[in-house]
């Protein structure tokens, strides 16, 4: 399947910015079942300083904000071709050791509720265990837009019983690690069936399974990724794969708007 993607992030500042840098992870990579046909990044209110690969092999574009600007617009667009792989990404590659993906973070640190959830599927093995875990997380955490705060840890998500795709992925990742599986967060694009326009990137999880390598699990849709999914960045949690992060001096108050379009080409 060939997908056409357009992603615009717009920052508006109440006062002129004196200095600012943004790390942008929006650029997909050609990798096994995924081929980037073309991709372009444009910047208004700043400029692209350089591009590099981080410790998770994500492509990062470093953007500076021009001094005195009150608006920064980051636009990325292109086409990506996806082949069906039933969610299997394959062997682990790169210099980052596999054991790193066993390490908890602030948002994936397990507590009593998380351990109780993991025990529900502890008697199963392999892919059967992970698919059962995906269903169990979906039952424990209802998907609800705007229901959570960006920094909620998994125990809070389970206490509230609701959250967005990132919250569901964090719970799944934490539980998978409790069960002895290296796991990571994935940020990317998903073509929806009922609309082209979206206001956020999608998030799901990948688990390293013996003999298969990395395998994707999307709790929000209770399935492994298919040809509608475009992988962009991975990390130990959302923070390591976020589309835009950065810092600035000046600018005072900030407002953010995001517009994404994903359609079959």
C-alpha atoms as a PDB file:
ATOM      1  CA  UNK A   1       0.000   0.000   0.000  1.00  0.00           C
ATOM      2  CA  UNK A   2       1.203   3.500  -0.813  1.00  0.00           C
ATOM      3  CA  UNK A   3       0.344   6.222   1.710  1.00  0.00           C
ATOM      4  CA  UNK A   4       0.579   9.980   1.320  1.00  0.00           C
ATOM      5  CA  UNK A   5       1.295  11.873   4.546  1.00  0.00           C
ATOM      6  CA  UNK A   6       1.263  15.562   5.464  1.00  0.00           C
ATOM      7  CA  UNK A   7       2.102  16.689   9.007  1.00  0.00           C
ATOM      8  CA  UNK A   8       2.118  20.311  10.168  1.00  0.00           C
ATOM      9  CA  UNK A   9       3.092  21.449  13.667  1.00  0.00           C
ATOM     10  CA  UNK A  10       2.489  25.122  14.446  1.00  0.00           C
ATOM     11  CA  UNK A  11       3.804  26.933  17.541  1.00  0.00           C
ATOM     12  CA  UNK A  12       2.580  30.440  18.366  1.00  0.00           C
ATOM     13  CA  UNK A  13       4.321  32.504  21.053  1.00  0.00           C
ATOM     14  CA  UNK A  14       2.862  35.460  22.950  1.00  0.00           C
ATOM     15  CA  UNK A  15       6.260  37.212  22.914  1.00  0.00           C
ATOM     16  CA  UNK A  16       9.233  37.089  20.512  1.00  0.00           C
ATOM     17  CA  UNK A  17      11.562  34.117  21.019  1.00  0.00           C
ATOM     18  CA  UNK A  18      15.176  34.945  21.860  1.00  0.00           C
ATOM     19  CA  UNK A  19      16.576  31.476  21.148  1.00  0.00           C
ATOM     20  CA  UNK A  20      15.185  28.009  20.611  1.00  0.00           C
ATOM     21  CA  UNK A  21      16.047  24.520  19.355  1.00  0.00           C
ATOM     22  CA  UNK A  22      13.631  21.745  18.417  1.00  0.00           C
ATOM     23  CA  UNK A  23      14.377  18.066  17.794  1.00  0.00           C
ATOM     24  CA  UNK A  24      11.954  16.723  15.210  1.00  0.00           C
ATOM     25  CA  UNK A  25      11.287  12.997  14.702  1.00  0.00           C
ATOM     26  CA  UNK A  26       8.754  12.889  11.874  1.00  0.00           C
ATOM     27  CA  UNK A  27      10.806  11.373   9.075  1.00  0.00           C
ATOM     28  CA  UNK A  28      10.101   7.675   8.363  1.00  0.00           C
ATOM     29  CA  UNK A  29      12.976   5.420   7.310  1.00  0.00           C
ATOM     30  CA  UNK A  30      13.137   2.823   4.562  1.00  0.00           C
ATOM     31  CA  UNK A  31      13.335  -0.442   6.484  1.00  0.00           C
ATOM     32  CA  UNK A  32      12.444  -3.994   5.419  1.00  0.00           C
ATOM     33  CA  UNK A  33       8.697  -3.791   4.638  1.00  0.00           C
ATOM     34  CA  UNK A  34       8.676   0.041   4.486  1.00  0.00           C
ATOM     35  CA  UNK A  35      10.046   2.182   1.647  1.00  0.00           C
ATOM     36  CA  UNK A  36      10.115   5.995   1.703  1.00  0.00           C
ATOM     37  CA  UNK A  37       9.465   7.142  -1.865  1.00  0.00           C
ATOM     38  CA  UNK A  38       9.869  10.859  -1.194  1.00  0.00           C
ATOM     39  CA  UNK A  39       9.869  13.151   1.842  1.00  0.00           C
ATOM     40  CA  UNK A  40      10.330  16.880   2.355  1.00  0.00           C
ATOM     41  CA  UNK A  41      10.591  19.078   5.446  1.00  0.00           C
ATOM     42  CA  UNK A  42       9.906  22.811   5.363  1.00  0.00           C
ATOM     43  CA  UNK A  43      10.391  25.315   8.171  1.00  0.00           C
ATOM     44  CA  UNK A  44       8.869  28.789   8.624  1.00  0.00           C
ATOM     45  CA  UNK A  45      10.129  30.967  11.486  1.00  0.00           C
ATOM     46  CA  UNK A  46      13.375  29.017  11.784  1.00  0.00           C
ATOM     47  CA  UNK A  47      15.739  26.786   9.835  1.00  0.00           C
ATOM     48  CA  UNK A  48      16.985  23.220   9.704  1.00  0.00           C
ATOM     49  CA  UNK A  49      20.478  23.152  11.198  1.00  0.00           C
ATOM     50  CA  UNK A  50      21.387  19.497  10.695  1.00  0.00           C
ATOM     51  CA  UNK A  51      20.128  15.919  10.569  1.00  0.00           C
ATOM     52  CA  UNK A  52      21.452  12.950  12.532  1.00  0.00           C
ATOM     53  CA  UNK A  53      20.627   9.454  13.778  1.00  0.00           C
ATOM     54  CA  UNK A  54      20.030   9.005  17.524  1.00  0.00           C
ATOM     55  CA  UNK A  55      20.779   5.989  19.748  1.00  0.00           C
ATOM     56  CA  UNK A  56      17.573   4.257  18.598  1.00  0.00           C
ATOM     57  CA  UNK A  57      18.416   4.825  14.916  1.00  0.00           C
ATOM     58  CA  UNK A  58      15.671   7.441  14.616  1.00  0.00           C
ATOM     59  CA  UNK A  59      16.260  10.189  12.089  1.00  0.00           C
ATOM     60  CA  UNK A  60      16.328  13.510  13.968  1.00  0.00           C
ATOM     61  CA  UNK A  61      16.104  16.932  12.311  1.00  0.00           C
ATOM     62  CA  UNK A  62      17.452  19.764  14.475  1.00  0.00           C
ATOM     63  CA  UNK A  63      15.500  22.998  13.976  1.00  0.00           C
ATOM     64  CA  UNK A  64      16.519  26.419  15.310  1.00  0.00           C
ATOM     65  CA  UNK A  65      13.944  29.157  15.956  1.00  0.00           C
ATOM     66  CA  UNK A  66      14.912  32.491  14.453  1.00  0.00           C
ATOM     67  CA  UNK A  67      15.420  35.209  17.125  1.00  0.00           C
ATOM     68  CA  UNK A  68      12.454  37.580  17.295  1.00  0.00           C
ATOM     69  CA  UNK A  69       9.934  35.151  15.787  1.00  0.00           C
ATOM     70  CA  UNK A  70       6.482  34.685  17.300  1.00  0.00           C
ATOM     71  CA  UNK A  71       5.526  31.645  15.201  1.00  0.00           C
ATOM     72  CA  UNK A  72       7.254  28.427  14.126  1.00  0.00           C
ATOM     73  CA  UNK A  73       5.700  26.166  11.489  1.00  0.00           C
ATOM     74  CA  UNK A  74       7.172  22.715  10.839  1.00  0.00           C
ATOM     75  CA  UNK A  75       5.733  20.878   7.849  1.00  0.00           C
ATOM     76  CA  UNK A  76       6.664  17.394   6.688  1.00  0.00           C
ATOM     77  CA  UNK A  77       5.133  15.545   3.757  1.00  0.00           C
ATOM     78  CA  UNK A  78       5.849  12.615   1.516  1.00  0.00           C
ATOM     79  CA  UNK A  79       4.910   9.164   0.314  1.00  0.00           C
ATOM     80  CA  UNK A  80       5.670   5.792   1.873  1.00  0.00           C
ATOM     81  CA  UNK A  81       5.059   2.304   0.480  1.00  0.00           C
ATOM     82  CA  UNK A  82       4.229  -0.500   2.942  1.00  0.00           C
ATOM     83  CA  UNK A  83       4.270  -4.261   2.396  1.00  0.00           C
ATOM     84  CA  UNK A  84       2.342  -6.637   4.654  1.00  0.00           C
ATOM     85  CA  UNK A  85       4.517  -8.306   7.301  1.00  0.00           C
ATOM     86  CA  UNK A  86       1.901  -9.294   9.910  1.00  0.00           C
ATOM     87  CA  UNK A  87       3.514  -6.961  12.430  1.00  0.00           C
ATOM     88  CA  UNK A  88       6.914  -8.712  12.361  1.00  0.00           C
ATOM     89  CA  UNK A  89       9.794  -6.220  12.058  1.00  0.00           C
ATOM     90  CA  UNK A  90      12.573  -8.772  12.426  1.00  0.00           C
ATOM     91  CA  UNK A  91      15.946  -9.100  14.207  1.00  0.00           C
ATOM     92  CA  UNK A  92      17.314  -6.418  16.497  1.00  0.00           C
ATOM     93  CA  UNK A  93      19.892  -4.181  14.812  1.00  0.00           C
ATOM     94  CA  UNK A  94      22.125  -1.273  15.755  1.00  0.00           C
ATOM     95  CA  UNK A  95      24.518  -0.563  18.599  1.00  0.00           C
ATOM     96  CA  UNK A  96      21.885  -0.219  21.345  1.00  0.00           C
ATOM     97  CA  UNK A  97      21.985  -3.460  23.390  1.00  0.00           C
ATOM     98  CA  UNK A  98      18.788  -5.476  23.605  1.00  0.00           C
ATOM     99  CA  UNK A  99      18.922  -5.535  27.427  1.00  0.00           C
ATOM    100  CA  UNK A 100      18.307  -1.771  27.447  1.00  0.00           C
ATOM    101  CA  UNK A 101      14.678  -2.436  26.499  1.00  0.00           C
ATOM    102  CA  UNK A 102      14.132  -4.244  29.800  1.00  0.00           C
ATOM    103  CA  UNK A 103      14.776  -1.022  31.698  1.00  0.00           C
ATOM    104  CA  UNK A 104      11.789   0.818  33.215  1.00  0.00           C
ATOM    105  CA  UNK A 105      11.348   4.562  32.782  1.00  0.00           C
ATOM    106  CA  UNK A 106       9.383   7.085  34.824  1.00  0.00           C
ATOM    107  CA  UNK A 107       6.246   6.384  32.775  1.00  0.00           C
ATOM    108  CA  UNK A 108       6.682   2.594  32.553  1.00  0.00           C
ATOM    109  CA  UNK A 109       7.801   1.847  36.121  1.00  0.00           C
ATOM    110  CA  UNK A 110       5.693  -1.101  37.360  1.00  0.00           C
ATOM    111  CA  UNK A 111       3.626  -1.045  40.539  1.00  0.00           C
ATOM    112  CA  UNK A 112       1.092  -3.381  42.187  1.00  0.00           C
ATOM    113  CA  UNK A 113      -1.660  -2.845  39.608  1.00  0.00           C
ATOM    114  CA  UNK A 114       0.710  -3.388  36.696  1.00  0.00           C
ATOM    115  CA  UNK A 115       2.131  -6.582  38.233  1.00  0.00           C
ATOM    116  CA  UNK A 116      -1.392  -7.882  38.840  1.00  0.00           C
ATOM    117  CA  UNK A 117      -2.249  -7.262  35.187  1.00  0.00           C
ATOM    118  CA  UNK A 118       0.868  -9.112  34.002  1.00  0.00           C
ATOM    119  CA  UNK A 119       0.054 -12.117  36.214  1.00  0.00           C
ATOM    120  CA  UNK A 120      -3.228 -12.608  34.342  1.00  0.00           C
ATOM    121  CA  UNK A 121      -1.348 -13.877  31.282  1.00  0.00           C
ATOM    122  CA  UNK A 122       1.792 -15.285  32.969  1.00  0.00           C
ATOM    123  CA  UNK A 123       0.689 -18.893  32.346  1.00  0.00           C
ATOM    124  CA  UNK A 124       0.788 -18.397  28.552  1.00  0.00           C
ATOM    125  CA  UNK A 125       3.781 -18.441  26.239  1.00  0.00           C
ATOM    126  CA  UNK A 126       5.187 -16.576  23.233  1.00  0.00           C
ATOM    127  CA  UNK A 127       2.871 -14.754  20.866  1.00  0.00           C
ATOM    128  CA  UNK A 128      -0.203 -16.221  22.543  1.00  0.00           C
ATOM    129  CA  UNK A 129       0.834 -14.543  25.792  1.00  0.00           C
ATOM    130  CA  UNK A 130       1.441 -11.185  24.104  1.00  0.00           C
ATOM    131  CA  UNK A 131      -1.844 -11.178  22.198  1.00  0.00           C
ATOM    132  CA  UNK A 132      -3.628 -12.059  25.443  1.00  0.00           C
ATOM    133  CA  UNK A 133      -1.773  -9.215  27.161  1.00  0.00           C
ATOM    134  CA  UNK A 134      -2.824  -6.790  24.424  1.00  0.00           C
ATOM    135  CA  UNK A 135      -6.469  -7.723  24.980  1.00  0.00           C
ATOM    136  CA  UNK A 136      -6.090  -7.483  28.774  1.00  0.00           C
ATOM    137  CA  UNK A 137      -4.597  -3.974  28.552  1.00  0.00           C
ATOM    138  CA  UNK A 138      -7.416  -2.901  26.231  1.00  0.00           C
ATOM    139  CA  UNK A 139      -9.945  -4.061  28.807  1.00  0.00           C
ATOM    140  CA  UNK A 140      -8.118  -2.377  31.696  1.00  0.00           C
ATOM    141  CA  UNK A 141      -7.502   0.961  29.929  1.00  0.00           C
ATOM    142  CA  UNK A 142     -10.308   2.374  27.798  1.00  0.00           C
ATOM    143  CA  UNK A 143      -9.213   4.566  24.906  1.00  0.00           C
ATOM    144  CA  UNK A 144     -10.472   8.106  25.472  1.00  0.00           C
ATOM    145  CA  UNK A 145      -9.104  11.235  23.791  1.00  0.00           C
ATOM    146  CA  UNK A 146      -7.929  13.865  26.269  1.00  0.00           C
ATOM    147  CA  UNK A 147      -8.523  11.576  29.252  1.00  0.00           C
ATOM    148  CA  UNK A 148      -4.969  11.650  30.597  1.00  0.00           C
ATOM    149  CA  UNK A 149      -2.007  13.893  31.279  1.00  0.00           C
ATOM    150  CA  UNK A 150       1.146  13.505  29.131  1.00  0.00           C
ATOM    151  CA  UNK A 151       3.320  12.448  32.088  1.00  0.00           C
ATOM    152  CA  UNK A 152       0.997   9.862  33.684  1.00  0.00           C
ATOM    153  CA  UNK A 153       2.889   6.734  34.860  1.00  0.00           C
ATOM    154  CA  UNK A 154       1.347   3.325  34.232  1.00  0.00           C
ATOM    155  CA  UNK A 155      -0.005   2.959  37.776  1.00  0.00           C
ATOM    156  CA  UNK A 156      -2.010   6.171  37.393  1.00  0.00           C
ATOM    157  CA  UNK A 157      -3.282   5.046  33.982  1.00  0.00           C
ATOM    158  CA  UNK A 158      -4.488   1.763  35.498  1.00  0.00           C
ATOM    159  CA  UNK A 159      -6.057   3.540  38.480  1.00  0.00           C
ATOM    160  CA  UNK A 160      -7.990   5.833  36.145  1.00  0.00           C
ATOM    161  CA  UNK A 161      -8.789   3.045  33.692  1.00  0.00           C
ATOM    162  CA  UNK A 162      -8.603   5.314  30.652  1.00  0.00           C
ATOM    163  CA  UNK A 163      -6.096   7.038  28.423  1.00  0.00           C
ATOM    164  CA  UNK A 164      -4.856   7.610  24.885  1.00  0.00           C
ATOM    165  CA  UNK A 165      -2.819   5.276  22.657  1.00  0.00           C
ATOM    166  CA  UNK A 166       0.455   6.267  24.355  1.00  0.00           C
ATOM    167  CA  UNK A 167      -0.948   5.346  27.784  1.00  0.00           C
ATOM    168  CA  UNK A 168      -2.143   1.961  26.536  1.00  0.00           C
ATOM    169  CA  UNK A 169       1.229   1.329  24.895  1.00  0.00           C
ATOM    170  CA  UNK A 170       3.089   2.245  28.103  1.00  0.00           C
ATOM    171  CA  UNK A 171       1.022  -0.224  30.143  1.00  0.00           C
ATOM    172  CA  UNK A 172       1.589  -2.949  27.552  1.00  0.00           C
ATOM    173  CA  UNK A 173       5.342  -2.253  27.411  1.00  0.00           C
ATOM    174  CA  UNK A 174       5.699  -2.294  31.200  1.00  0.00           C
ATOM    175  CA  UNK A 175       3.754  -5.552  31.523  1.00  0.00           C
ATOM    176  CA  UNK A 176       5.699  -7.193  28.683  1.00  0.00           C
ATOM    177  CA  UNK A 177       8.956  -6.337  30.464  1.00  0.00           C
ATOM    178  CA  UNK A 178       7.572  -7.839  33.673  1.00  0.00           C
ATOM    179  CA  UNK A 179       6.973 -11.043  31.708  1.00  0.00           C
ATOM    180  CA  UNK A 180      10.589 -11.102  30.528  1.00  0.00           C
ATOM    181  CA  UNK A 181      10.270  -9.524  27.078  1.00  0.00           C
ATOM    182  CA  UNK A 182      12.320  -6.534  25.877  1.00  0.00           C
ATOM    183  CA  UNK A 183       9.803  -3.914  24.736  1.00  0.00           C
ATOM    184  CA  UNK A 184       9.791  -0.450  23.186  1.00  0.00           C
ATOM    185  CA  UNK A 185       7.474   2.376  22.163  1.00  0.00           C
ATOM    186  CA  UNK A 186       6.771   3.196  18.499  1.00  0.00           C
ATOM    187  CA  UNK A 187       5.593   6.542  17.143  1.00  0.00           C
ATOM    188  CA  UNK A 188       4.188   6.672  13.628  1.00  0.00           C
ATOM    189  CA  UNK A 189       1.314   7.299  11.274  1.00  0.00           C
ATOM    190  CA  UNK A 190      -1.876   5.276  10.859  1.00  0.00           C
ATOM    191  CA  UNK A 191      -4.336   5.549   8.000  1.00  0.00           C
ATOM    192  CA  UNK A 192      -7.806   5.617   9.562  1.00  0.00           C
ATOM    193  CA  UNK A 193     -10.846   4.130   7.855  1.00  0.00           C
ATOM    194  CA  UNK A 194     -13.268   6.981   8.534  1.00  0.00           C
ATOM    195  CA  UNK A 195     -11.185  10.152   8.126  1.00  0.00           C
ATOM    196  CA  UNK A 196      -8.075  11.553   6.452  1.00  0.00           C
ATOM    197  CA  UNK A 197      -7.494  14.366   8.962  1.00  0.00           C
ATOM    198  CA  UNK A 198      -5.966  13.713  12.394  1.00  0.00           C
ATOM    199  CA  UNK A 199      -4.604  15.841  15.233  1.00  0.00           C
ATOM    200  CA  UNK A 200      -1.856  13.534  16.539  1.00  0.00           C
ATOM    201  CA  UNK A 201       0.529  10.785  15.516  1.00  0.00           C
ATOM    202  CA  UNK A 202      -0.287   7.236  16.582  1.00  0.00           C
ATOM    203  CA  UNK A 203       1.591   5.166  19.149  1.00  0.00           C
ATOM    204  CA  UNK A 204       1.949   1.426  19.695  1.00  0.00           C
ATOM    205  CA  UNK A 205       4.428  -1.093  21.123  1.00  0.00           C
ATOM    206  CA  UNK A 206       6.984  -3.583  19.849  1.00  0.00           C
ATOM    207  CA  UNK A 207       8.202  -6.630  21.758  1.00  0.00           C
ATOM    208  CA  UNK A 208      11.278  -8.715  21.010  1.00  0.00           C
ATOM    209  CA  UNK A 209      10.211 -12.332  20.579  1.00  0.00           C
ATOM    210  CA  UNK A 210      12.657 -15.220  20.274  1.00  0.00           C
ATOM    211  CA  UNK A 211      13.024 -16.478  16.669  1.00  0.00           C
ATOM    212  CA  UNK A 212      10.971 -13.587  15.265  1.00  0.00           C
ATOM    213  CA  UNK A 213      12.693 -10.447  16.522  1.00  0.00           C
ATOM    214  CA  UNK A 214      10.624  -7.299  17.023  1.00  0.00           C
ATOM    215  CA  UNK A 215       6.848  -7.703  16.692  1.00  0.00           C
ATOM    216  CA  UNK A 216       4.303  -4.864  16.832  1.00  0.00           C
ATOM    217  CA  UNK A 217       1.188  -4.702  19.045  1.00  0.00           C
ATOM    218  CA  UNK A 218      -1.369  -1.881  18.869  1.00  0.00           C
ATOM    219  CA  UNK A 219      -3.558  -2.001  21.975  1.00  0.00           C
ATOM    220  CA  UNK A 220      -5.860   0.771  20.724  1.00  0.00           C
ATOM    221  CA  UNK A 221      -6.977  -1.372  17.788  1.00  0.00           C
ATOM    222  CA  UNK A 222      -6.249  -4.797  19.348  1.00  0.00           C
ATOM    223  CA  UNK A 223      -4.101  -5.898  16.425  1.00  0.00           C
ATOM    224  CA  UNK A 224      -0.587  -6.102  15.074  1.00  0.00           C
ATOM    225  CA  UNK A 225       0.298  -3.333  12.591  1.00  0.00           C
ATOM    226  CA  UNK A 226      -0.583  -3.915   8.928  1.00  0.00           C
ATOM    227  CA  UNK A 227      -0.056  -1.918   5.728  1.00  0.00           C
ATOM    228  CA  UNK A 228      -1.885   1.126   7.156  1.00  0.00           C
ATOM    229  CA  UNK A 229       0.918   1.731   9.685  1.00  0.00           C
ATOM    230  CA  UNK A 230       4.060   3.793   9.039  1.00  0.00           C
ATOM    231  CA  UNK A 231       6.869   3.435  11.599  1.00  0.00           C
ATOM    232  CA  UNK A 232       8.753   6.674  12.344  1.00  0.00           C
ATOM    233  CA  UNK A 233      10.593   6.512  15.692  1.00  0.00           C
ATOM    234  CA  UNK A 234      11.162   4.165  18.622  1.00  0.00           C
ATOM    235  CA  UNK A 235      12.206   4.666  22.239  1.00  0.00           C
ATOM    236  CA  UNK A 236      11.960   3.221  25.730  1.00  0.00           C
ATOM    237  CA  UNK A 237       8.722   5.221  26.056  1.00  0.00           C
ATOM    238  CA  UNK A 238       6.931   8.095  24.315  1.00  0.00           C
ATOM    239  CA  UNK A 239       9.538  10.651  25.406  1.00  0.00           C
ATOM    240  CA  UNK A 240      12.226   8.980  23.302  1.00  0.00           C
ATOM    241  CA  UNK A 241      10.070   8.874  20.177  1.00  0.00           C
ATOM    242  CA  UNK A 242       8.074  12.120  20.468  1.00  0.00           C
ATOM    243  CA  UNK A 243       7.618  13.940  17.129  1.00  0.00           C
ATOM    244  CA  UNK A 244       8.887  17.297  18.457  1.00  0.00           C
ATOM    245  CA  UNK A 245      10.809  18.153  21.628  1.00  0.00           C
ATOM    246  CA  UNK A 246      12.958  21.143  22.454  1.00  0.00           C
ATOM    247  CA  UNK A 247      13.815  24.151  24.523  1.00  0.00           C
ATOM    248  CA  UNK A 248      13.740  27.919  24.135  1.00  0.00           C
ATOM    249  CA  UNK A 249      14.320  31.221  25.908  1.00  0.00           C
ATOM    250  CA  UNK A 250      11.743  33.963  25.528  1.00  0.00           C
ATOM    251  CA  UNK A 251       8.410  33.555  23.841  1.00  0.00           C
ATOM    252  CA  UNK A 252       6.510  33.556  27.161  1.00  0.00           C
ATOM    253  CA  UNK A 253       3.251  31.605  26.647  1.00  0.00           C
ATOM    254  CA  UNK A 254       3.010  29.031  23.859  1.00  0.00           C
ATOM    255  CA  UNK A 255       0.091  27.551  21.917  1.00  0.00           C
ATOM    256  CA  UNK A 256       0.385  24.445  19.756  1.00  0.00           C
ATOM    257  CA  UNK A 257      -1.709  23.110  16.889  1.00  0.00           C
ATOM    258  CA  UNK A 258      -1.144  19.923  14.912  1.00  0.00           C
ATOM    259  CA  UNK A 259      -2.706  18.904  11.611  1.00  0.00           C
ATOM    260  CA  UNK A 260      -2.019  15.494  10.040  1.00  0.00           C
ATOM    261  CA  UNK A 261      -3.408  13.926   6.890  1.00  0.00           C
ATOM    262  CA  UNK A 262      -2.858  10.261   6.012  1.00  0.00           C
ATOM    263  CA  UNK A 263      -4.459   8.858   2.863  1.00  0.00           C
ATOM    264  CA  UNK A 264      -3.966   6.003   0.432  1.00  0.00           C
ATOM    265  CA  UNK A 265      -2.251   7.260  -2.689  1.00  0.00           C
END
